């Protein structure tokens, strides 16, 4: 665990995070503090903090997710709107949802 994680674009999380080596994090993403990712996650086009993201998860949304637990094999995809204030979700395993 690192005290400070820097995302691909250099923005700091400001807190501890666990990002596994084979997680795919997009270049414009900011991984917030207190976040843990599982193996083979694909995270693109969003900002987040206080998340637990399990293995084989795909997150592709515009906006912000906060205080979420995302189950194994889940896909959270962009719908037609933006998440302006931040959404809180708890999603089980092998679910596909559009925000």
PDB file of N, CA and C in Angstrom:
ATOM      1  N   UNK A   1       0.852  -1.167   0.000  1.00  0.00           N
ATOM      2  CA  UNK A   1       0.000   0.000   0.000  1.00  0.00           C
ATOM      3  C   UNK A   1       0.895   1.226   0.000  1.00  0.00           C
ATOM      4  N   UNK A   2       0.517   2.214  -0.805  1.00  0.00           N
ATOM      5  CA  UNK A   2       1.307   3.434  -0.865  1.00  0.00           C
ATOM      6  C   UNK A   2       0.605   4.534  -0.080  1.00  0.00           C
ATOM      7  N   UNK A   3       1.390   5.484   0.432  1.00  0.00           N
ATOM      8  CA  UNK A   3       0.790   6.614   1.124  1.00  0.00           C
ATOM      9  C   UNK A   3       0.127   7.560   0.143  1.00  0.00           C
ATOM     10  N   UNK A   4       0.626   7.602  -1.075  1.00  0.00           N
ATOM     11  CA  UNK A   4       0.069   8.497  -2.077  1.00  0.00           C
ATOM     12  C   UNK A   4       0.209   7.852  -3.437  1.00  0.00           C
ATOM     13  N   UNK A   5      -0.895   7.672  -4.124  1.00  0.00           N
ATOM     14  CA  UNK A   5      -0.879   7.075  -5.459  1.00  0.00           C
ATOM     15  C   UNK A   5      -1.042   8.178  -6.481  1.00  0.00           C
ATOM     16  N   UNK A   6      -0.250   8.158  -7.511  1.00  0.00           N
ATOM     17  CA  UNK A   6      -0.409   9.123  -8.598  1.00  0.00           C
ATOM     18  C   UNK A   6      -0.976   8.404  -9.799  1.00  0.00           C
ATOM     19  N   UNK A   7      -2.071   8.932 -10.321  1.00  0.00           N
ATOM     20  CA  UNK A   7      -2.696   8.328 -11.482  1.00  0.00           C
ATOM     21  C   UNK A   7      -1.837   8.582 -12.710  1.00  0.00           C
ATOM     22  N   UNK A   8      -2.255   8.040 -13.845  1.00  0.00           N
ATOM     23  CA  UNK A   8      -1.464   8.126 -15.071  1.00  0.00           C
ATOM     24  C   UNK A   8      -1.223   9.566 -15.497  1.00  0.00           C
ATOM     25  N   UNK A   9      -2.126  10.487 -15.161  1.00  0.00           N
ATOM     26  CA  UNK A   9      -1.923  11.878 -15.549  1.00  0.00           C
ATOM     27  C   UNK A   9      -1.231  12.684 -14.464  1.00  0.00           C
ATOM     28  N   UNK A  10      -0.827  12.028 -13.381  1.00  0.00           N
ATOM     29  CA  UNK A  10      -0.038  12.681 -12.354  1.00  0.00           C
ATOM     30  C   UNK A  10      -0.822  13.270 -11.210  1.00  0.00           C
ATOM     31  N   UNK A  11      -2.149  13.236 -11.252  1.00  0.00           N
ATOM     32  CA  UNK A  11      -2.916  13.779 -10.133  1.00  0.00           C
ATOM     33  C   UNK A  11      -2.776  12.866  -8.931  1.00  0.00           C
ATOM     34  N   UNK A  12      -2.641  13.449  -7.790  1.00  0.00           N
ATOM     35  CA  UNK A  12      -2.432  12.695  -6.563  1.00  0.00           C
ATOM     36  C   UNK A  12      -3.765  12.286  -5.948  1.00  0.00           C
ATOM     37  N   UNK A  13      -3.741  11.163  -5.279  1.00  0.00           N
ATOM     38  CA  UNK A  13      -4.944  10.711  -4.594  1.00  0.00           C
ATOM     39  C   UNK A  13      -5.116  11.401  -3.259  1.00  0.00           C
ATOM     40  N   UNK A  14      -4.055  11.832  -2.637  1.00  0.00           N
ATOM     41  CA  UNK A  14      -4.131  12.469  -1.333  1.00  0.00           C
ATOM     42  C   UNK A  14      -4.338  11.495  -0.188  1.00  0.00           C
ATOM     43  N   UNK A  15      -4.236  10.216  -0.439  1.00  0.00           N
ATOM     44  CA  UNK A  15      -4.422   9.238   0.617  1.00  0.00           C
ATOM     45  C   UNK A  15      -3.987   7.868   0.165  1.00  0.00           C
ATOM     46  N   UNK A  16      -4.034   6.883   1.060  1.00  0.00           N
ATOM     47  CA  UNK A  16      -3.575   5.540   0.712  1.00  0.00           C
ATOM     48  C   UNK A  16      -4.511   4.848  -0.276  1.00  0.00           C
ATOM     49  N   UNK A  17      -3.927   4.094  -1.180  1.00  0.00           N
ATOM     50  CA  UNK A  17      -4.676   3.319  -2.166  1.00  0.00           C
ATOM     51  C   UNK A  17      -3.934   2.026  -2.437  1.00  0.00           C
ATOM     52  N   UNK A  18      -4.683   0.996  -2.830  1.00  0.00           N
ATOM     53  CA  UNK A  18      -4.082  -0.251  -3.277  1.00  0.00           C
ATOM     54  C   UNK A  18      -4.522  -0.455  -4.723  1.00  0.00           C
ATOM     55  N   UNK A  19      -3.579  -0.375  -5.638  1.00  0.00           N
ATOM     56  CA  UNK A  19      -3.849  -0.558  -7.058  1.00  0.00           C
ATOM     57  C   UNK A  19      -3.007  -1.747  -7.504  1.00  0.00           C
ATOM     58  N   UNK A  20      -3.654  -2.857  -7.866  1.00  0.00           N
ATOM     59  CA  UNK A  20      -2.888  -4.038  -8.252  1.00  0.00           C
ATOM     60  C   UNK A  20      -2.191  -3.792  -9.583  1.00  0.00           C
ATOM     61  N   UNK A  21      -1.116  -4.505  -9.797  1.00  0.00           N
ATOM     62  CA  UNK A  21      -0.258  -4.278 -10.947  1.00  0.00           C
ATOM     63  C   UNK A  21      -0.975  -4.441 -12.284  1.00  0.00           C
ATOM     64  N   UNK A  22      -1.900  -5.374 -12.408  1.00  0.00           N
ATOM     65  CA  UNK A  22      -2.524  -5.615 -13.703  1.00  0.00           C
ATOM     66  C   UNK A  22      -3.880  -4.911 -13.862  1.00  0.00           C
ATOM     67  N   UNK A  23      -4.176  -3.924 -13.046  1.00  0.00           N
ATOM     68  CA  UNK A  23      -5.366  -3.094 -13.253  1.00  0.00           C
ATOM     69  C   UNK A  23      -5.067  -2.090 -14.353  1.00  0.00           C
ATOM     70  N   UNK A  24      -6.039  -1.836 -15.214  1.00  0.00           N
ATOM     71  CA  UNK A  24      -5.878  -0.874 -16.308  1.00  0.00           C
ATOM     72  C   UNK A  24      -6.599   0.413 -15.930  1.00  0.00           C
ATOM     73  N   UNK A  25      -5.816   1.470 -15.729  1.00  0.00           N
ATOM     74  CA  UNK A  25      -6.355   2.761 -15.326  1.00  0.00           C
ATOM     75  C   UNK A  25      -6.153   3.723 -16.483  1.00  0.00           C
ATOM     76  N   UNK A  26      -7.223   4.382 -16.939  1.00  0.00           N
ATOM     77  CA  UNK A  26      -7.134   5.319 -18.056  1.00  0.00           C
ATOM     78  C   UNK A  26      -6.307   6.544 -17.719  1.00  0.00           C
ATOM     79  N   UNK A  27      -5.836   7.225 -18.753  1.00  0.00           N
ATOM     80  CA  UNK A  27      -4.918   8.353 -18.567  1.00  0.00           C
ATOM     81  C   UNK A  27      -5.552   9.564 -17.905  1.00  0.00           C
ATOM     82  N   UNK A  28      -6.839   9.788 -18.064  1.00  0.00           N
ATOM     83  CA  UNK A  28      -7.448  10.984 -17.496  1.00  0.00           C
ATOM     84  C   UNK A  28      -8.099  10.726 -16.142  1.00  0.00           C
ATOM     85  N   UNK A  29      -7.890   9.557 -15.587  1.00  0.00           N
ATOM     86  CA  UNK A  29      -8.563   9.188 -14.347  1.00  0.00           C
ATOM     87  C   UNK A  29      -7.767   9.615 -13.126  1.00  0.00           C
ATOM     88  N   UNK A  30      -8.494   9.963 -12.084  1.00  0.00           N
ATOM     89  CA  UNK A  30      -7.883  10.275 -10.799  1.00  0.00           C
ATOM     90  C   UNK A  30      -8.397   9.259  -9.790  1.00  0.00           C
ATOM     91  N   UNK A  31      -7.521   8.428  -9.316  1.00  0.00           N
ATOM     92  CA  UNK A  31      -7.885   7.449  -8.313  1.00  0.00           C
ATOM     93  C   UNK A  31      -7.809   8.134  -6.965  1.00  0.00           C
ATOM     94  N   UNK A  32      -8.939   8.202  -6.305  1.00  0.00           N
ATOM     95  CA  UNK A  32      -9.023   8.937  -5.056  1.00  0.00           C
ATOM     96  C   UNK A  32      -8.441   8.180  -3.877  1.00  0.00           C
ATOM     97  N   UNK A  33      -8.477   8.816  -2.717  1.00  0.00           N
ATOM     98  CA  UNK A  33      -7.947   8.167  -1.519  1.00  0.00           C
ATOM     99  C   UNK A  33      -8.828   7.002  -1.087  1.00  0.00           C
ATOM    100  N   UNK A  34      -8.216   6.113  -0.350  1.00  0.00           N
ATOM    101  CA  UNK A  34      -8.920   4.980   0.254  1.00  0.00           C
ATOM    102  C   UNK A  34      -9.645   4.137  -0.798  1.00  0.00           C
ATOM    103  N   UNK A  35      -8.894   3.737  -1.813  1.00  0.00           N
ATOM    104  CA  UNK A  35      -9.429   2.945  -2.912  1.00  0.00           C
ATOM    105  C   UNK A  35      -8.596   1.685  -3.068  1.00  0.00           C
ATOM    106  N   UNK A  36      -9.270   0.589  -3.363  1.00  0.00           N
ATOM    107  CA  UNK A  36      -8.588  -0.675  -3.634  1.00  0.00           C
ATOM    108  C   UNK A  36      -9.173  -1.275  -4.904  1.00  0.00           C
ATOM    109  N   UNK A  37      -8.307  -1.724  -5.821  1.00  0.00           N
ATOM    110  CA  UNK A  37      -8.778  -2.360  -7.045  1.00  0.00           C
ATOM    111  C   UNK A  37      -8.408  -3.830  -7.046  1.00  0.00           C
ATOM    112  N   UNK A  38      -9.235  -4.620  -7.698  1.00  0.00           N
ATOM    113  CA  UNK A  38      -8.960  -6.038  -7.877  1.00  0.00           C
ATOM    114  C   UNK A  38      -8.161  -6.283  -9.148  1.00  0.00           C
ATOM    115  N   UNK A  39      -7.875  -7.547  -9.393  1.00  0.00           N
ATOM    116  CA  UNK A  39      -7.113  -7.936 -10.576  1.00  0.00           C
ATOM    117  C   UNK A  39      -7.926  -7.743 -11.847  1.00  0.00           C
ATOM    118  N   UNK A  40      -7.229  -7.326 -12.909  1.00  0.00           N
ATOM    119  CA  UNK A  40      -7.789  -7.184 -14.253  1.00  0.00           C
ATOM    120  C   UNK A  40      -9.004  -6.256 -14.320  1.00  0.00           C
ATOM    121  N   UNK A  41      -8.996  -5.195 -13.515  1.00  0.00           N
ATOM    122  CA  UNK A  41     -10.024  -4.161 -13.607  1.00  0.00           C
ATOM    123  C   UNK A  41      -9.689  -3.226 -14.755  1.00  0.00           C
ATOM    124  N   UNK A  42     -10.714  -2.682 -15.388  1.00  0.00           N
ATOM    125  CA  UNK A  42     -10.550  -1.665 -16.419  1.00  0.00           C
ATOM    126  C   UNK A  42     -11.326  -0.439 -15.978  1.00  0.00           C
ATOM    127  N   UNK A  43     -10.603   0.631 -15.712  1.00  0.00           N
ATOM    128  CA  UNK A  43     -11.223   1.842 -15.179  1.00  0.00           C
ATOM    129  C   UNK A  43     -10.892   2.990 -16.120  1.00  0.00           C
ATOM    130  N   UNK A  44     -11.933   3.590 -16.712  1.00  0.00           N
ATOM    131  CA  UNK A  44     -11.715   4.689 -17.654  1.00  0.00           C
ATOM    132  C   UNK A  44     -12.748   5.790 -17.447  1.00  0.00           C
ATOM    133  N   UNK A  45     -12.336   7.001 -17.730  1.00  0.00           N
ATOM    134  CA  UNK A  45     -13.205   8.164 -17.837  1.00  0.00           C
ATOM    135  C   UNK A  45     -13.997   8.486 -16.582  1.00  0.00           C
ATOM    136  N   UNK A  46     -13.381   8.470 -15.425  1.00  0.00           N
ATOM    137  CA  UNK A  46     -14.112   8.893 -14.241  1.00  0.00           C
ATOM    138  C   UNK A  46     -13.172   9.268 -13.114  1.00  0.00           C
ATOM    139  N   UNK A  47     -13.745   9.850 -12.108  1.00  0.00           N
ATOM    140  CA  UNK A  47     -13.017  10.211 -10.895  1.00  0.00           C
ATOM    141  C   UNK A  47     -13.724   9.525  -9.738  1.00  0.00           C
ATOM    142  N   UNK A  48     -12.964   9.072  -8.778  1.00  0.00           N
ATOM    143  CA  UNK A  48     -13.580   8.327  -7.685  1.00  0.00           C
ATOM    144  C   UNK A  48     -12.773   8.446  -6.413  1.00  0.00           C
ATOM    145  N   UNK A  49     -13.432   8.156  -5.305  1.00  0.00           N
ATOM    146  CA  UNK A  49     -12.735   7.988  -4.040  1.00  0.00           C
ATOM    147  C   UNK A  49     -13.552   7.102  -3.112  1.00  0.00           C
ATOM    148  N   UNK A  50     -12.848   6.486  -2.180  1.00  0.00           N
ATOM    149  CA  UNK A  50     -13.440   5.566  -1.211  1.00  0.00           C
ATOM    150  C   UNK A  50     -14.176   4.415  -1.892  1.00  0.00           C
ATOM    151  N   UNK A  51     -13.491   3.694  -2.753  1.00  0.00           N
ATOM    152  CA  UNK A  51     -14.086   2.571  -3.477  1.00  0.00           C
ATOM    153  C   UNK A  51     -13.359   1.271  -3.197  1.00  0.00           C
ATOM    154  N   UNK A  52     -14.114   0.188  -3.208  1.00  0.00           N
ATOM    155  CA  UNK A  52     -13.554  -1.159  -3.260  1.00  0.00           C
ATOM    156  C   UNK A  52     -14.044  -1.751  -4.570  1.00  0.00           C
ATOM    157  N   UNK A  53     -13.123  -2.084  -5.444  1.00  0.00           N
ATOM    158  CA  UNK A  53     -13.447  -2.587  -6.774  1.00  0.00           C
ATOM    159  C   UNK A  53     -12.879  -3.993  -6.881  1.00  0.00           C
ATOM    160  N   UNK A  54     -13.752  -4.979  -7.026  1.00  0.00           N
ATOM    161  CA  UNK A  54     -13.329  -6.374  -7.065  1.00  0.00           C
ATOM    162  C   UNK A  54     -12.774  -6.754  -8.442  1.00  0.00           C
ATOM    163  N   UNK A  55     -12.292  -7.989  -8.566  1.00  0.00           N
ATOM    164  CA  UNK A  55     -11.653  -8.487  -9.785  1.00  0.00           C
ATOM    165  C   UNK A  55     -12.576  -8.428 -11.003  1.00  0.00           C
ATOM    166  N   UNK A  56     -11.955  -8.259 -12.174  1.00  0.00           N
ATOM    167  CA  UNK A  56     -12.620  -8.345 -13.487  1.00  0.00           C
ATOM    168  C   UNK A  56     -13.768  -7.354 -13.641  1.00  0.00           C
ATOM    169  N   UNK A  57     -13.634  -6.186 -13.079  1.00  0.00           N
ATOM    170  CA  UNK A  57     -14.659  -5.153 -13.145  1.00  0.00           C
ATOM    171  C   UNK A  57     -14.319  -4.133 -14.219  1.00  0.00           C
ATOM    172  N   UNK A  58     -15.336  -3.650 -14.933  1.00  0.00           N
ATOM    173  CA  UNK A  58     -15.174  -2.600 -15.937  1.00  0.00           C
ATOM    174  C   UNK A  58     -15.991  -1.400 -15.486  1.00  0.00           C
ATOM    175  N   UNK A  59     -15.335  -0.245 -15.375  1.00  0.00           N
ATOM    176  CA  UNK A  59     -16.036   0.992 -15.028  1.00  0.00           C
ATOM    177  C   UNK A  59     -15.698   2.009 -16.104  1.00  0.00           C
ATOM    178  N   UNK A  60     -16.727   2.477 -16.810  1.00  0.00           N
ATOM    179  CA  UNK A  60     -16.543   3.434 -17.902  1.00  0.00           C
ATOM    180  C   UNK A  60     -17.684   4.443 -17.843  1.00  0.00           C
ATOM    181  N   UNK A  61     -17.527   5.467 -17.015  1.00  0.00           N
ATOM    182  CA  UNK A  61     -18.562   6.489 -16.853  1.00  0.00           C
ATOM    183  C   UNK A  61     -17.920   7.870 -16.829  1.00  0.00           C
ATOM    184  N   UNK A  62     -18.710   8.889 -17.170  1.00  0.00           N
ATOM    185  CA  UNK A  62     -18.305  10.283 -17.005  1.00  0.00           C
ATOM    186  C   UNK A  62     -18.843  10.740 -15.665  1.00  0.00           C
ATOM    187  N   UNK A  63     -18.008  11.285 -14.839  1.00  0.00           N
ATOM    188  CA  UNK A  63     -18.474  11.790 -13.554  1.00  0.00           C
ATOM    189  C   UNK A  63     -17.693  11.201 -12.404  1.00  0.00           C
ATOM    190  N   UNK A  64     -18.336  11.131 -11.256  1.00  0.00           N
ATOM    191  CA  UNK A  64     -17.636  10.732 -10.045  1.00  0.00           C
ATOM    192  C   UNK A  64     -18.429   9.671  -9.296  1.00  0.00           C
ATOM    193  N   UNK A  65     -17.714   8.664  -8.814  1.00  0.00           N
ATOM    194  CA  UNK A  65     -18.280   7.643  -7.938  1.00  0.00           C
ATOM    195  C   UNK A  65     -17.616   7.783  -6.575  1.00  0.00           C
ATOM    196  N   UNK A  66     -18.399   7.719  -5.511  1.00  0.00           N
ATOM    197  CA  UNK A  66     -17.855   7.856  -4.161  1.00  0.00           C
ATOM    198  C   UNK A  66     -18.454   6.791  -3.245  1.00  0.00           C
ATOM    199  N   UNK A  67     -17.665   6.328  -2.315  1.00  0.00           N
ATOM    200  CA  UNK A  67     -18.110   5.402  -1.266  1.00  0.00           C
ATOM    201  C   UNK A  67     -18.880   4.213  -1.828  1.00  0.00           C
ATOM    202  N   UNK A  68     -18.246   3.478  -2.746  1.00  0.00           N
ATOM    203  CA  UNK A  68     -18.910   2.372  -3.448  1.00  0.00           C
ATOM    204  C   UNK A  68     -18.194   1.050  -3.205  1.00  0.00           C
ATOM    205  N   UNK A  69     -18.958  -0.005  -3.326  1.00  0.00           N
ATOM    206  CA  UNK A  69     -18.396  -1.350  -3.362  1.00  0.00           C
ATOM    207  C   UNK A  69     -18.908  -1.988  -4.645  1.00  0.00           C
ATOM    208  N   UNK A  70     -17.978  -2.393  -5.509  1.00  0.00           N
ATOM    209  CA  UNK A  70     -18.318  -2.918  -6.824  1.00  0.00           C
ATOM    210  C   UNK A  70     -17.904  -4.385  -6.862  1.00  0.00           C
ATOM    211  N   UNK A  71     -18.858  -5.287  -7.095  1.00  0.00           N
ATOM    212  CA  UNK A  71     -18.615  -6.723  -7.060  1.00  0.00           C
ATOM    213  C   UNK A  71     -17.838  -7.251  -8.254  1.00  0.00           C
ATOM    214  N   UNK A  72     -17.367  -8.459  -8.123  1.00  0.00           N
ATOM    215  CA  UNK A  72     -16.554  -9.140  -9.130  1.00  0.00           C
ATOM    216  C   UNK A  72     -17.333  -9.305 -10.442  1.00  0.00           C
ATOM    217  N   UNK A  73     -16.657  -9.019 -11.565  1.00  0.00           N
ATOM    218  CA  UNK A  73     -17.238  -9.227 -12.881  1.00  0.00           C
ATOM    219  C   UNK A  73     -18.314  -8.229 -13.262  1.00  0.00           C
ATOM    220  N   UNK A  74     -18.393  -7.099 -12.574  1.00  0.00           N
ATOM    221  CA  UNK A  74     -19.436  -6.105 -12.810  1.00  0.00           C
ATOM    222  C   UNK A  74     -19.008  -5.097 -13.861  1.00  0.00           C
ATOM    223  N   UNK A  75     -19.973  -4.605 -14.641  1.00  0.00           N
ATOM    224  CA  UNK A  75     -19.730  -3.534 -15.611  1.00  0.00           C
ATOM    225  C   UNK A  75     -20.619  -2.357 -15.247  1.00  0.00           C
ATOM    226  N   UNK A  76     -19.996  -1.195 -15.049  1.00  0.00           N
ATOM    227  CA  UNK A  76     -20.735   0.040 -14.842  1.00  0.00           C
ATOM    228  C   UNK A  76     -20.395   0.928 -16.028  1.00  0.00           C
ATOM    229  N   UNK A  77     -21.390   1.213 -16.852  1.00  0.00           N
ATOM    230  CA  UNK A  77     -21.170   1.897 -18.119  1.00  0.00           C
ATOM    231  C   UNK A  77     -21.903   3.228 -18.145  1.00  0.00           C
ATOM    232  N   UNK A  78     -21.409   4.132 -18.987  1.00  0.00           N
ATOM    233  CA  UNK A  78     -22.000   5.443 -19.134  1.00  0.00           C
ATOM    234  C   UNK A  78     -23.360   5.347 -19.810  1.00  0.00           C
ATOM    235  N   UNK A  79     -24.302   6.122 -19.324  1.00  0.00           N
ATOM    236  CA  UNK A  79     -25.600   6.223 -19.969  1.00  0.00           C
ATOM    237  C   UNK A  79     -25.614   7.541 -20.726  1.00  0.00           C
ATOM    238  N   UNK A  80     -26.693   8.274 -20.693  1.00  0.00           N
ATOM    239  CA  UNK A  80     -26.751   9.524 -21.442  1.00  0.00           C
ATOM    240  C   UNK A  80     -26.563  10.762 -20.577  1.00  0.00           C
ATOM    241  N   UNK A  81     -26.236  10.604 -19.322  1.00  0.00           N
ATOM    242  CA  UNK A  81     -26.063  11.761 -18.453  1.00  0.00           C
ATOM    243  C   UNK A  81     -24.737  11.747 -17.736  1.00  0.00           C
ATOM    244  N   UNK A  82     -24.457  12.841 -17.058  1.00  0.00           N
ATOM    245  CA  UNK A  82     -23.238  12.952 -16.267  1.00  0.00           C
ATOM    246  C   UNK A  82     -23.560  12.757 -14.794  1.00  0.00           C
ATOM    247  N   UNK A  83     -22.625  12.204 -14.079  1.00  0.00           N
ATOM    248  CA  UNK A  83     -22.753  12.072 -12.633  1.00  0.00           C
ATOM    249  C   UNK A  83     -22.106  13.313 -12.017  1.00  0.00           C
ATOM    250  N   UNK A  84     -22.882  14.330 -11.778  1.00  0.00           N
ATOM    251  CA  UNK A  84     -22.313  15.617 -11.403  1.00  0.00           C
ATOM    252  C   UNK A  84     -21.828  15.665  -9.961  1.00  0.00           C
ATOM    253  N   UNK A  85     -22.603  15.181  -9.004  1.00  0.00           N
ATOM    254  CA  UNK A  85     -22.232  15.298  -7.602  1.00  0.00           C
ATOM    255  C   UNK A  85     -21.525  14.078  -7.070  1.00  0.00           C
ATOM    256  N   UNK A  86     -21.592  13.002  -7.769  1.00  0.00           N
ATOM    257  CA  UNK A  86     -21.018  11.756  -7.285  1.00  0.00           C
ATOM    258  C   UNK A  86     -22.121  10.790  -6.888  1.00  0.00           C
ATOM    259  N   UNK A  87     -22.036   9.605  -7.371  1.00  0.00           N
ATOM    260  CA  UNK A  87     -23.023   8.574  -7.091  1.00  0.00           C
ATOM    261  C   UNK A  87     -22.448   7.575  -6.103  1.00  0.00           C
ATOM    262  N   UNK A  88     -23.296   7.056  -5.235  1.00  0.00           N
ATOM    263  CA  UNK A  88     -22.918   5.993  -4.306  1.00  0.00           C
ATOM    264  C   UNK A  88     -23.672   4.741  -4.729  1.00  0.00           C
ATOM    265  N   UNK A  89     -22.925   3.687  -4.977  1.00  0.00           N
ATOM    266  CA  UNK A  89     -23.565   2.440  -5.392  1.00  0.00           C
ATOM    267  C   UNK A  89     -22.928   1.257  -4.677  1.00  0.00           C
ATOM    268  N   UNK A  90     -23.736   0.242  -4.470  1.00  0.00           N
ATOM    269  CA  UNK A  90     -23.254  -1.057  -4.026  1.00  0.00           C
ATOM    270  C   UNK A  90     -23.796  -2.033  -5.061  1.00  0.00           C
ATOM    271  N   UNK A  91     -22.900  -2.721  -5.761  1.00  0.00           N
ATOM    272  CA  UNK A  91     -23.286  -3.598  -6.858  1.00  0.00           C
ATOM    273  C   UNK A  91     -22.714  -4.977  -6.614  1.00  0.00           C
ATOM    274  N   UNK A  92     -23.543  -6.013  -6.756  1.00  0.00           N
ATOM    275  CA  UNK A  92     -23.109  -7.382  -6.554  1.00  0.00           C
ATOM    276  C   UNK A  92     -22.269  -7.904  -7.710  1.00  0.00           C
ATOM    277  N   UNK A  93     -22.038  -9.207  -7.741  1.00  0.00           N
ATOM    278  CA  UNK A  93     -21.208  -9.839  -8.760  1.00  0.00           C
ATOM    279  C   UNK A  93     -21.960  -9.980 -10.079  1.00  0.00           C
ATOM    280  N   UNK A  94     -21.183  -9.888 -11.194  1.00  0.00           N
ATOM    281  CA  UNK A  94     -21.673 -10.156 -12.544  1.00  0.00           C
ATOM    282  C   UNK A  94     -22.914  -9.374 -12.922  1.00  0.00           C
ATOM    283  N   UNK A  95     -22.907  -8.073 -12.621  1.00  0.00           N
ATOM    284  CA  UNK A  95     -24.009  -7.174 -12.933  1.00  0.00           C
ATOM    285  C   UNK A  95     -23.546  -6.179 -13.989  1.00  0.00           C
ATOM    286  N   UNK A  96     -24.446  -5.794 -14.899  1.00  0.00           N
ATOM    287  CA  UNK A  96     -24.182  -4.709 -15.826  1.00  0.00           C
ATOM    288  C   UNK A  96     -25.211  -3.623 -15.544  1.00  0.00           C
ATOM    289  N   UNK A  97     -24.750  -2.397 -15.329  1.00  0.00           N
ATOM    290  CA  UNK A  97     -25.660  -1.280 -15.065  1.00  0.00           C
ATOM    291  C   UNK A  97     -25.176  -0.056 -15.808  1.00  0.00           C
ATOM    292  N   UNK A  98     -26.102   0.827 -16.128  1.00  0.00           N
ATOM    293  CA  UNK A  98     -25.794   2.078 -16.813  1.00  0.00           C
ATOM    294  C   UNK A  98     -26.166   3.224 -15.890  1.00  0.00           C
ATOM    295  N   UNK A  99     -25.224   4.167 -15.700  1.00  0.00           N
ATOM    296  CA  UNK A  99     -25.485   5.341 -14.867  1.00  0.00           C
ATOM    297  C   UNK A  99     -25.528   6.573 -15.741  1.00  0.00           C
TER     298      UNK A  99
END
